Amino acid sequence: MISHSTSDTSLSLPISEVESMDPGTELASILLQTTLQSKASEALCIPEILSDVLKLLRQDKKKALRNLASVNRIWFQEATRLLWREASSKALISVEESRRNIYAPKIRKLTVHHASCHVQLRHCNFTSLRVLCFNLGAKGVKHDVYSQYLRPTLEEVFFMALPPDEFLHGLNQHCPRLCVFAQGLQAHTDRSDLADFLTTNQSLQSVKLVSESEDNSVTLLQALSKMPYLEDLSVKGQIPESVLRQLLESSAETLDLPRFNTLSKVEITVGVPALSLLRPTFSAMTSLTLDILIEKESHELDALAHLPLESLQLHIAAGIQFSSQELLFLHNAKNLQSLSIRPKPWSPTITMPNLTISNDHFKQIFANLSALKRLLIWFSVRINDTHTALLDLGRSCPKLENLRMYCTVELASWTNIPTPLFPSLTFLWIASVNDDRLDIDPSGQISEHLAALIDKKCTQIG
């Protein structure tokens, strides 16, 4: 009889299921089912496998993990490890103090929201901490209160307000793996201890700062230029020409290693006069994100022709005459992925200024921009033959995903565009469309007709 089999009881099905089986069911079939169930249970007790399974949770992930944490000890460890992988000080403080150190060692990214949190978390062991975000700073907070964050595992720190200089010093002393240092807009950089921290640091690869004054910028850039492993630099706030010139002059007077000799990625804001100094200052860069303010008639944008541009944003001050001739330097920007041209100031409530572009210039500008994904022109673009311009743009820029260009499109000619013209397009904004054939409720019919044509003729979306 099946009920008297000598199989291992650990592999047995529940009695109710056995009794309900067909009497003709073979013993081998039962053993196969029980073995499969047992193997699955055993696998889900292996932390590595269980972790991979729990990562597949989608909807209500946190709620599901909380429930799964009560199954057994192994499931508790893996579920809480995922639940507390990224946490805030508010969440940790909401837990009973006696239980905080159950979760603190699992946290890899911690966001601290308020100065009072430092004291409440001072006994927590953040042994797995990789990323630390300070949303608020605390001047006058004692150094020992910060010490719980100074872990050898720490790799990234983000500040909205800079901490005391003792903490910066502690980062260099106790965090040898620190590779990212980012400063928020509320953090003041006019402190000598920040420059001292950067000068003595031996591990940072990525730094993001906010420039506030010319004297401060020179000091910080001099410190940054000597960092041995710096690869990625982002400076918010305009860097004057005089700052770059001082930096170059100080470099020429020294016999040490070249400035920024490891820096490959640069993100800065400059005025037109500083453009010619970018290459000599950052000679090793292979990627440049540039924000330029054009305030004078002498534009000199040709200085950008041989820079490794990946993203370019041009702000053109009100009253400045800007022609498409100024954009011909983009013919060489083969790595450019994002291009934005905006008037400054600009508001939706005022009349948009005009930008006249000949079809010949339009074709030359975009001829080699095959990597371009984002094109935003916040001017009323005047092109004689919009149909031909769109054809040229589609052929030259097949990766274009986001296109905003205020120009008029003739719907009749749009129907003749080959399929697909913009195979990657996900967002399109144009000024208006014309079609003399639609004279009844033109706005609604044109919009529907255009949407259907874009879907059919200009993308691969079915």
Protein backbone atom coordinates (compact mmCIF):
# COMPACT_ATOMS: atom_id res chain seq x y z
CA MET A 1 0.00 0.00 0.00
CA ILE A 2 1.12 3.51 -0.67
CA SER A 3 0.44 4.67 2.87
CA HIS A 4 2.95 2.08 4.14
CA SER A 5 5.84 3.10 1.89
CA THR A 6 9.25 3.20 3.47
CA SER A 7 10.20 6.56 1.90
CA ASP A 8 11.86 9.18 4.08
CA THR A 9 9.17 11.09 6.00
CA SER A 10 10.97 14.36 5.23
CA LEU A 11 9.97 13.78 1.59
CA SER A 12 6.37 12.78 2.30
CA LEU A 13 3.38 14.68 0.99
CA PRO A 14 0.73 15.78 3.49
CA ILE A 15 -1.49 12.85 4.55
CA SER A 16 -4.59 14.54 3.15
CA GLU A 17 -3.00 14.71 -0.31
CA VAL A 18 -1.84 11.09 -0.18
CA GLU A 19 -5.28 9.83 0.84
CA SER A 20 -6.95 11.74 -1.98
CA MET A 21 -4.71 10.18 -4.66
CA ASP A 22 -5.87 7.59 -7.14
CA PRO A 23 -5.12 4.10 -5.68
CA GLY A 24 -3.30 3.26 -8.88
CA THR A 25 -0.74 6.02 -8.41
CA GLU A 26 2.77 4.59 -8.44
CA LEU A 27 5.20 5.09 -5.56
CA ALA A 28 7.81 6.55 -7.92
CA SER A 29 5.42 9.35 -8.87
CA ILE A 30 4.89 10.31 -5.24
CA LEU A 31 8.59 10.22 -4.51
CA LEU A 32 9.28 12.44 -7.53
CA GLN A 33 6.78 15.05 -6.35
CA THR A 34 8.05 15.03 -2.78
CA THR A 35 11.67 15.17 -3.91
CA LEU A 36 10.99 18.23 -6.08
CA GLN A 37 9.21 19.98 -3.23
CA SER A 38 12.05 19.15 -0.88
CA LYS A 39 14.72 20.36 -3.31
CA ALA A 40 12.91 23.67 -3.77
CA SER A 41 12.64 24.13 -0.01
CA GLU A 42 16.30 23.32 0.44
CA ALA A 43 17.29 25.77 -2.32
CA LEU A 44 15.26 28.55 -0.74
CA CYS A 45 17.24 28.07 2.45
CA ILE A 46 20.45 28.98 0.63
CA PRO A 47 20.90 32.75 1.18
CA GLU A 48 22.36 33.42 -2.28
CA ILE A 49 19.48 31.68 -4.09
CA LEU A 50 16.84 33.17 -1.78
CA SER A 51 18.25 36.64 -2.35
CA ASP A 52 17.99 36.25 -6.14
CA VAL A 53 14.39 35.08 -5.82
CA LEU A 54 13.39 37.97 -3.51
CA LYS A 55 14.90 40.50 -5.92
CA LEU A 56 12.28 39.46 -8.49
CA LEU A 57 9.48 40.94 -6.38
CA ARG A 58 7.78 43.81 -8.18
CA GLN A 59 4.53 45.22 -6.82
CA ASP A 60 4.31 46.13 -3.14
CA LYS A 61 7.88 44.93 -2.74
CA LYS A 62 8.38 46.40 0.73
CA LYS A 63 5.14 44.94 2.03
CA ALA A 64 5.99 41.52 0.61
CA LEU A 65 9.48 41.59 2.12
CA ARG A 66 8.08 42.50 5.54
CA ASN A 67 5.79 39.49 5.37
CA LEU A 68 8.53 37.16 4.14
CA ALA A 69 10.82 38.29 6.96
CA SER A 70 8.59 36.43 9.42
CA VAL A 71 8.93 33.00 7.73
CA ASN A 72 12.16 31.84 9.37
CA ARG A 73 15.58 33.09 10.42
CA ILE A 74 17.21 32.77 6.98
CA TRP A 75 14.34 34.52 5.24
CA PHE A 76 14.42 37.25 7.88
CA GLN A 77 18.09 37.93 7.20
CA GLU A 78 17.67 38.14 3.42
CA ALA A 79 14.38 40.06 3.44
CA THR A 80 15.62 42.68 5.90
CA ARG A 81 18.90 42.99 4.01
CA LEU A 82 16.93 44.04 0.93
CA LEU A 83 14.52 46.18 2.92
CA TRP A 84 17.32 48.11 4.63
CA ARG A 85 19.79 48.26 1.75
CA GLU A 86 18.83 51.92 1.28
CA ALA A 87 17.42 53.71 4.32
CA SER A 88 16.90 57.12 5.86
CA SER A 89 17.75 58.29 9.34
CA LYS A 90 14.02 58.82 9.94
CA ALA A 91 13.26 55.17 9.23
CA LEU A 92 16.05 53.90 11.47
CA ILE A 93 15.11 56.22 14.34
CA SER A 94 11.50 55.02 14.13
CA VAL A 95 12.74 51.56 15.17
CA GLU A 96 13.15 50.77 18.86
CA GLU A 97 16.65 51.70 19.97
CA SER A 98 17.37 48.13 21.08
CA ARG A 99 16.71 46.87 17.51
CA ARG A 100 18.51 49.56 15.48
CA ASN A 101 21.74 47.60 15.35
CA ILE A 102 19.88 44.67 13.79
CA TYR A 103 19.27 46.80 10.70
CA ALA A 104 22.12 49.35 10.71
CA PRO A 105 24.78 46.81 9.59
CA LYS A 106 22.65 46.01 6.51
CA ILE A 107 22.44 49.62 5.27
CA ARG A 108 24.56 50.39 2.21
CA LYS A 109 23.06 53.82 1.47
CA LEU A 110 22.05 56.10 4.34
CA THR A 111 20.34 59.49 4.01
CA VAL A 112 20.59 61.70 7.09
CA HIS A 113 17.85 64.33 7.26
CA HIS A 114 18.45 66.33 10.42
CA ALA A 115 21.26 67.29 12.76
CA SER A 116 19.55 65.65 15.74
CA CYS A 117 19.79 62.29 13.96
CA HIS A 118 23.54 62.16 14.53
CA VAL A 119 23.12 61.79 18.29
CA GLN A 120 20.30 59.27 18.03
CA LEU A 121 22.35 57.09 15.67
CA ARG A 122 25.68 57.40 17.45
CA HIS A 123 25.66 53.79 18.73
CA CYS A 124 24.73 52.23 15.37
CA ASN A 125 27.27 50.07 13.55
CA PHE A 126 27.10 50.93 9.84
CA THR A 127 29.54 48.21 8.88
CA SER A 128 28.26 47.89 5.28
CA LEU A 129 27.89 51.61 4.55
CA ARG A 130 28.83 52.54 0.97
CA VAL A 131 26.90 55.77 0.27
CA LEU A 132 26.25 58.60 2.74
CA CYS A 133 23.91 61.52 1.99
CA PHE A 134 23.65 64.53 4.30
CA ASN A 135 20.49 66.46 3.41
CA LEU A 136 21.22 68.92 6.20
CA GLY A 137 24.48 69.88 7.82
CA ALA A 138 25.19 70.74 11.43
CA LYS A 139 27.79 73.34 12.29
CA GLY A 140 29.13 72.92 15.78
CA VAL A 141 28.31 69.22 16.02
CA LYS A 142 31.12 67.43 17.77
CA HIS A 143 33.44 65.21 15.78
CA ASP A 144 32.72 62.06 17.77
CA VAL A 145 29.05 62.26 16.77
CA TYR A 146 30.08 61.87 13.12
CA SER A 147 32.53 59.07 13.78
CA GLN A 148 29.96 56.28 13.27
CA TYR A 149 29.84 57.15 9.55
CA LEU A 150 33.61 56.99 9.00
CA ARG A 151 33.75 53.42 7.78
CA PRO A 152 36.45 51.82 5.61
CA THR A 153 33.63 50.63 3.31
CA LEU A 154 32.44 54.19 2.51
CA GLU A 155 32.69 55.00 -1.22
CA GLU A 156 30.42 58.01 -1.87
CA VAL A 157 29.41 61.08 0.15
CA PHE A 158 26.84 63.74 -0.76
CA PHE A 159 26.41 67.00 1.16
CA MET A 160 23.77 69.71 1.06
CA ALA A 161 25.78 71.59 3.67
CA LEU A 162 29.41 70.81 4.41
CA PRO A 163 30.17 69.08 7.71
CA PRO A 164 32.81 70.24 10.21
CA ASP A 165 36.42 70.18 9.02
CA GLU A 166 37.16 67.35 11.48
CA PHE A 167 34.81 65.12 9.51
CA LEU A 168 36.48 66.01 6.21
CA HIS A 169 39.82 65.17 7.78
CA GLY A 170 38.32 61.89 9.02
CA LEU A 171 37.26 60.93 5.50
CA ASN A 172 40.89 61.04 4.39
CA GLN A 173 42.04 59.13 7.45
CA HIS A 174 39.45 56.36 7.68
CA CYS A 175 37.83 55.96 4.24
CA PRO A 176 40.49 54.72 1.78
CA ARG A 177 37.83 53.58 -0.73
CA LEU A 178 36.12 56.96 -1.00
CA CYS A 179 35.73 57.72 -4.73
CA VAL A 180 32.80 60.17 -5.03
CA PHE A 181 32.43 63.54 -3.27
CA ALA A 182 29.38 65.63 -4.24
CA GLN A 183 28.31 69.00 -2.89
CA GLY A 184 24.76 70.35 -3.04
CA LEU A 185 23.66 73.88 -3.86
CA GLN A 186 23.31 74.83 -0.19
CA ALA A 187 26.87 73.90 0.72
CA HIS A 188 29.30 76.79 0.92
CA THR A 189 32.71 76.16 -0.61
CA ASP A 190 34.47 79.27 0.70
CA ARG A 191 36.16 77.28 3.44
CA SER A 192 39.85 76.57 3.41
CA ASP A 193 39.31 73.16 4.99
CA LEU A 194 37.59 71.93 1.82
CA ALA A 195 40.61 72.84 -0.29
CA ASP A 196 42.86 71.19 2.32
CA PHE A 197 40.72 68.05 2.20
CA LEU A 198 40.96 67.87 -1.62
CA THR A 199 44.71 68.56 -1.60
CA THR A 200 45.47 65.67 0.74
CA ASN A 201 42.94 63.18 -0.63
CA GLN A 202 44.42 60.13 -2.37
CA SER A 203 41.33 58.23 -3.55
CA LEU A 204 38.64 60.48 -5.09
CA GLN A 205 37.72 59.83 -8.71
CA SER A 206 34.58 61.98 -9.04
CA VAL A 207 34.01 65.45 -7.52
CA LYS A 208 30.97 67.73 -7.89
CA LEU A 209 31.21 71.23 -6.40
CA VAL A 210 29.48 74.61 -6.50
CA SER A 211 31.65 77.63 -7.28
CA GLU A 212 30.70 80.80 -5.37
CA SER A 213 33.49 83.34 -5.80
CA GLU A 214 36.50 83.92 -8.05
CA ASP A 215 39.09 83.63 -5.28
CA ASN A 216 37.43 80.49 -3.98
CA SER A 217 37.32 78.96 -7.49
CA VAL A 218 41.05 79.43 -8.01
CA THR A 219 41.89 77.75 -4.70
CA LEU A 220 39.56 74.82 -5.29
CA LEU A 221 40.65 74.24 -8.89
CA GLN A 222 44.30 74.32 -7.86
CA ALA A 223 43.57 71.66 -5.25
CA LEU A 224 41.54 69.60 -7.72
CA SER A 225 44.22 69.83 -10.41
CA LYS A 226 46.70 67.93 -8.24
CA MET A 227 44.45 65.02 -7.26
CA PRO A 228 46.12 61.79 -8.40
CA TYR A 229 43.03 59.80 -9.50
CA LEU A 230 40.43 62.43 -10.42
CA GLU A 231 38.52 61.37 -13.56
CA ASP A 232 35.16 63.16 -13.35
CA LEU A 233 34.72 66.84 -12.40
CA SER A 234 31.51 68.87 -12.27
CA VAL A 235 31.50 72.51 -11.16
CA LYS A 236 28.20 74.38 -10.87
CA GLY A 237 28.34 78.14 -11.24
CA GLN A 238 30.17 80.09 -13.92
CA ILE A 239 33.96 79.86 -13.99
CA PRO A 240 35.40 83.19 -15.20
CA GLU A 241 38.15 83.36 -17.78
CA SER A 242 40.45 84.94 -15.17
CA VAL A 243 40.20 81.81 -13.01
CA LEU A 244 41.31 79.48 -15.79
CA ARG A 245 44.07 81.89 -16.76
CA GLN A 246 45.40 82.02 -13.19
CA LEU A 247 45.30 78.25 -13.04
CA LEU A 248 47.32 77.94 -16.25
CA GLU A 249 49.85 80.52 -15.08
CA SER A 250 50.38 78.78 -11.75
CA SER A 251 50.82 75.47 -13.56
CA ALA A 252 53.49 76.94 -15.85
CA GLU A 253 55.47 78.16 -12.85
CA THR A 254 55.71 74.72 -11.25
CA LEU A 255 57.75 71.69 -12.28
CA ASP A 256 55.37 69.06 -10.88
CA LEU A 257 53.00 66.82 -12.86
CA PRO A 258 50.69 68.41 -15.46
CA ARG A 259 47.40 69.77 -14.12
CA PHE A 260 44.34 67.51 -14.36
CA ASN A 261 46.43 64.85 -16.07
CA THR A 262 43.93 62.08 -15.13
CA LEU A 263 40.71 64.05 -15.71
CA SER A 264 38.65 62.68 -18.62
CA LYS A 265 35.09 63.94 -17.96
CA VAL A 266 34.37 67.64 -17.36
CA GLU A 267 31.07 69.43 -16.69
CA ILE A 268 31.35 73.23 -16.30
CA THR A 269 29.72 76.58 -17.06
CA VAL A 270 31.81 79.28 -18.73
CA GLY A 271 31.45 82.47 -20.70
CA VAL A 272 32.63 82.82 -24.28
CA PRO A 273 36.02 84.43 -23.41
CA ALA A 274 37.05 81.28 -21.51
CA LEU A 275 36.46 78.87 -24.40
CA SER A 276 39.99 79.04 -25.80
CA LEU A 277 41.39 78.07 -22.36
CA LEU A 278 39.43 74.84 -21.95
CA ARG A 279 41.73 72.55 -23.93
CA PRO A 280 44.99 73.74 -22.35
CA THR A 281 43.43 73.54 -18.87
CA PHE A 282 41.85 70.10 -19.20
CA SER A 283 44.19 68.52 -21.70
CA ALA A 284 43.29 64.90 -20.84
CA MET A 285 39.49 65.23 -21.13
CA THR A 286 37.60 62.93 -23.47
CA SER A 287 34.07 64.04 -22.50
CA LEU A 288 32.82 67.61 -22.04
CA THR A 289 29.44 68.85 -20.84
CA LEU A 290 29.39 72.59 -21.42
CA ASP A 291 26.97 75.35 -20.45
CA ILE A 292 27.77 78.63 -22.22
CA LEU A 293 26.30 82.08 -21.70
CA ILE A 294 26.59 84.32 -24.80
CA GLU A 295 26.37 87.96 -23.78
CA LYS A 296 28.41 89.74 -26.47
CA GLU A 297 28.29 89.94 -30.24
CA SER A 298 31.78 88.43 -30.60
CA HIS A 299 30.88 84.79 -30.09
CA GLU A 300 34.09 82.91 -30.95
CA LEU A 301 32.36 79.53 -30.80
CA ASP A 302 34.87 78.10 -33.26
CA ALA A 303 37.04 77.40 -30.20
CA LEU A 304 34.67 74.49 -29.50
CA ALA A 305 35.30 72.82 -32.86
CA HIS A 306 37.79 70.21 -31.64
CA LEU A 307 36.60 69.69 -28.06
CA PRO A 308 35.10 66.29 -27.10
CA LEU A 309 31.57 67.65 -26.62
CA GLU A 310 28.91 65.24 -25.39
CA SER A 311 26.41 67.79 -24.12
CA LEU A 312 26.14 71.48 -25.02
CA GLN A 313 23.71 74.11 -23.78
CA LEU A 314 23.85 77.60 -25.26
CA HIS A 315 22.16 80.52 -23.48
CA ILE A 316 21.81 83.56 -25.75
CA ALA A 317 21.18 86.83 -23.91
CA ALA A 318 18.29 89.02 -25.02
CA GLY A 319 19.18 91.45 -27.81
CA ILE A 320 22.17 89.46 -29.09
CA GLN A 321 22.09 88.77 -32.83
CA PHE A 322 22.76 85.06 -33.27
CA SER A 323 22.94 83.44 -36.70
CA SER A 324 23.13 79.85 -37.86
CA GLN A 325 26.68 80.57 -39.08
CA GLU A 326 27.74 80.44 -35.42
CA LEU A 327 26.67 76.79 -35.17
CA LEU A 328 28.74 75.41 -38.04
CA PHE A 329 31.44 74.33 -35.57
CA LEU A 330 29.07 71.49 -34.59
CA HIS A 331 29.98 69.78 -37.85
CA ASN A 332 32.96 68.32 -35.94
CA ALA A 333 31.07 67.40 -32.74
CA LYS A 334 30.72 63.70 -33.60
CA ASN A 335 30.24 62.64 -29.94
CA LEU A 336 27.48 65.16 -29.19
CA GLN A 337 24.43 63.52 -27.57
CA SER A 338 22.51 66.53 -26.30
CA LEU A 339 22.13 70.02 -27.79
CA SER A 340 20.00 72.79 -26.28
CA ILE A 341 19.79 76.38 -27.56
CA ARG A 342 17.81 78.79 -25.38
CA PRO A 343 17.22 82.54 -25.21
CA LYS A 344 17.95 84.12 -21.85
CA PRO A 345 15.76 85.19 -20.21
CA TRP A 346 12.86 83.27 -21.65
CA SER A 347 9.31 82.70 -20.44
CA PRO A 348 6.27 81.03 -22.05
CA THR A 349 4.41 84.29 -21.55
CA ILE A 350 6.65 86.34 -23.86
CA THR A 351 7.05 86.21 -27.62
CA MET A 352 9.64 83.65 -28.63
CA PRO A 353 12.61 85.20 -30.50
CA ASN A 354 13.39 84.07 -34.02
CA LEU A 355 16.34 82.03 -35.25
CA THR A 356 16.78 81.96 -39.01
CA ILE A 357 18.59 78.93 -40.41
CA SER A 358 19.19 78.26 -44.08
CA ASN A 359 18.67 74.72 -45.35
CA ASP A 360 22.31 74.55 -46.32
CA HIS A 361 23.49 75.52 -42.83
CA PHE A 362 20.98 73.15 -41.21
CA LYS A 363 22.31 70.23 -43.22
CA GLN A 364 25.96 71.11 -42.47
CA ILE A 365 25.33 71.55 -38.73
CA PHE A 366 23.75 68.11 -38.25
CA ALA A 367 25.57 66.15 -40.95
CA ASN A 368 27.93 64.32 -38.56
CA LEU A 369 25.85 64.24 -35.37
CA SER A 370 24.92 60.57 -35.60
CA ALA A 371 25.13 60.18 -31.79
CA LEU A 372 22.62 62.97 -31.09
CA LYS A 373 19.71 61.87 -28.88
CA ARG A 374 18.29 65.16 -27.65
CA LEU A 375 17.73 68.37 -29.65
CA LEU A 376 15.94 71.31 -28.01
CA ILE A 377 15.80 74.64 -29.86
CA TRP A 378 13.81 77.19 -27.84
CA PHE A 379 13.57 79.67 -30.70
CA SER A 380 11.01 80.15 -33.42
CA VAL A 381 13.02 78.46 -36.16
CA ARG A 382 12.67 79.95 -39.65
CA ILE A 383 13.66 77.47 -42.39
CA ASN A 384 12.61 77.91 -46.01
CA ASP A 385 12.06 74.19 -46.64
CA THR A 386 11.09 72.44 -43.42
CA HIS A 387 10.35 69.18 -45.22
CA THR A 388 13.92 68.91 -46.55
CA ALA A 389 15.37 69.96 -43.18
CA LEU A 390 13.48 67.13 -41.41
CA LEU A 391 14.69 64.65 -43.98
CA ASP A 392 18.29 65.79 -43.46
CA LEU A 393 17.88 65.65 -39.67
CA GLY A 394 16.40 62.15 -39.73
CA ARG A 395 19.09 60.77 -42.00
CA SER A 396 21.93 62.32 -40.00
CA CYS A 397 20.59 61.66 -36.48
CA PRO A 398 18.99 58.17 -36.38
CA LYS A 399 19.33 57.96 -32.56
CA LEU A 400 17.26 61.09 -31.93
CA GLU A 401 14.81 60.44 -29.08
CA ASN A 402 13.71 63.90 -27.96
CA LEU A 403 13.05 66.66 -30.53
CA ARG A 404 11.68 70.11 -29.66
CA MET A 405 11.85 72.57 -32.54
CA TYR A 406 9.41 75.43 -33.00
CA CYS A 407 8.83 75.39 -36.75
CA THR A 408 5.92 74.95 -39.15
CA VAL A 409 5.43 71.60 -40.87
CA GLU A 410 3.43 71.10 -44.07
CA LEU A 411 1.31 68.04 -43.42
CA ALA A 412 1.00 67.15 -47.11
CA SER A 413 4.76 66.83 -47.50
CA TRP A 414 5.00 64.93 -44.20
CA THR A 415 3.05 62.05 -45.73
CA ASN A 416 5.88 61.48 -48.21
CA ILE A 417 8.58 61.03 -45.57
CA PRO A 418 10.17 57.56 -45.84
CA THR A 419 9.55 55.00 -43.11
CA PRO A 420 10.98 55.16 -40.52
CA LEU A 421 12.62 58.60 -40.52
CA PHE A 422 13.21 58.85 -36.76
CA PRO A 423 13.33 55.21 -35.59
CA SER A 424 14.19 56.11 -31.97
CA LEU A 425 11.88 59.12 -31.48
CA THR A 426 9.85 59.10 -28.24
CA PHE A 427 9.02 62.82 -27.89
CA LEU A 428 8.26 65.43 -30.57
CA TRP A 429 7.27 69.07 -30.17
CA ILE A 430 6.80 71.37 -33.15
CA ALA A 431 5.08 74.75 -33.48
CA SER A 432 2.28 74.13 -35.97
CA VAL A 433 1.15 72.17 -39.02
CA ASN A 434 -0.52 73.35 -42.20
CA ASP A 435 -2.86 71.46 -44.51
CA ASP A 436 -5.10 73.37 -46.92
CA ARG A 437 -7.24 70.27 -47.47
CA LEU A 438 -8.61 70.37 -43.91
CA ASP A 439 -11.02 73.30 -43.63
CA ILE A 440 -13.53 71.91 -41.13
CA ASP A 441 -12.44 71.86 -37.50
CA PRO A 442 -8.84 72.04 -38.71
CA SER A 443 -7.11 71.95 -35.32
CA GLY A 444 -8.64 68.68 -34.21
CA GLN A 445 -8.33 66.90 -37.56
CA ILE A 446 -4.78 68.07 -38.15
CA SER A 447 -3.71 66.94 -34.69
CA GLU A 448 -5.21 63.49 -35.17
CA HIS A 449 -3.87 63.16 -38.70
CA LEU A 450 -0.39 64.28 -37.65
CA ALA A 451 -0.31 61.88 -34.70
CA ALA A 452 -1.22 58.99 -37.00
CA LEU A 453 1.42 59.99 -39.53
CA ILE A 454 4.15 60.31 -36.90
CA ASP A 455 3.23 56.90 -35.55
CA LYS A 456 3.22 55.33 -39.00
CA LYS A 457 5.89 57.21 -40.91
CA CYS A 458 8.48 58.37 -38.40
CA THR A 459 8.88 55.72 -35.74
CA GLN A 460 8.97 51.97 -35.40
CA ILE A 461 6.15 52.02 -32.88
CA GLY A 462 3.20 50.02 -34.23
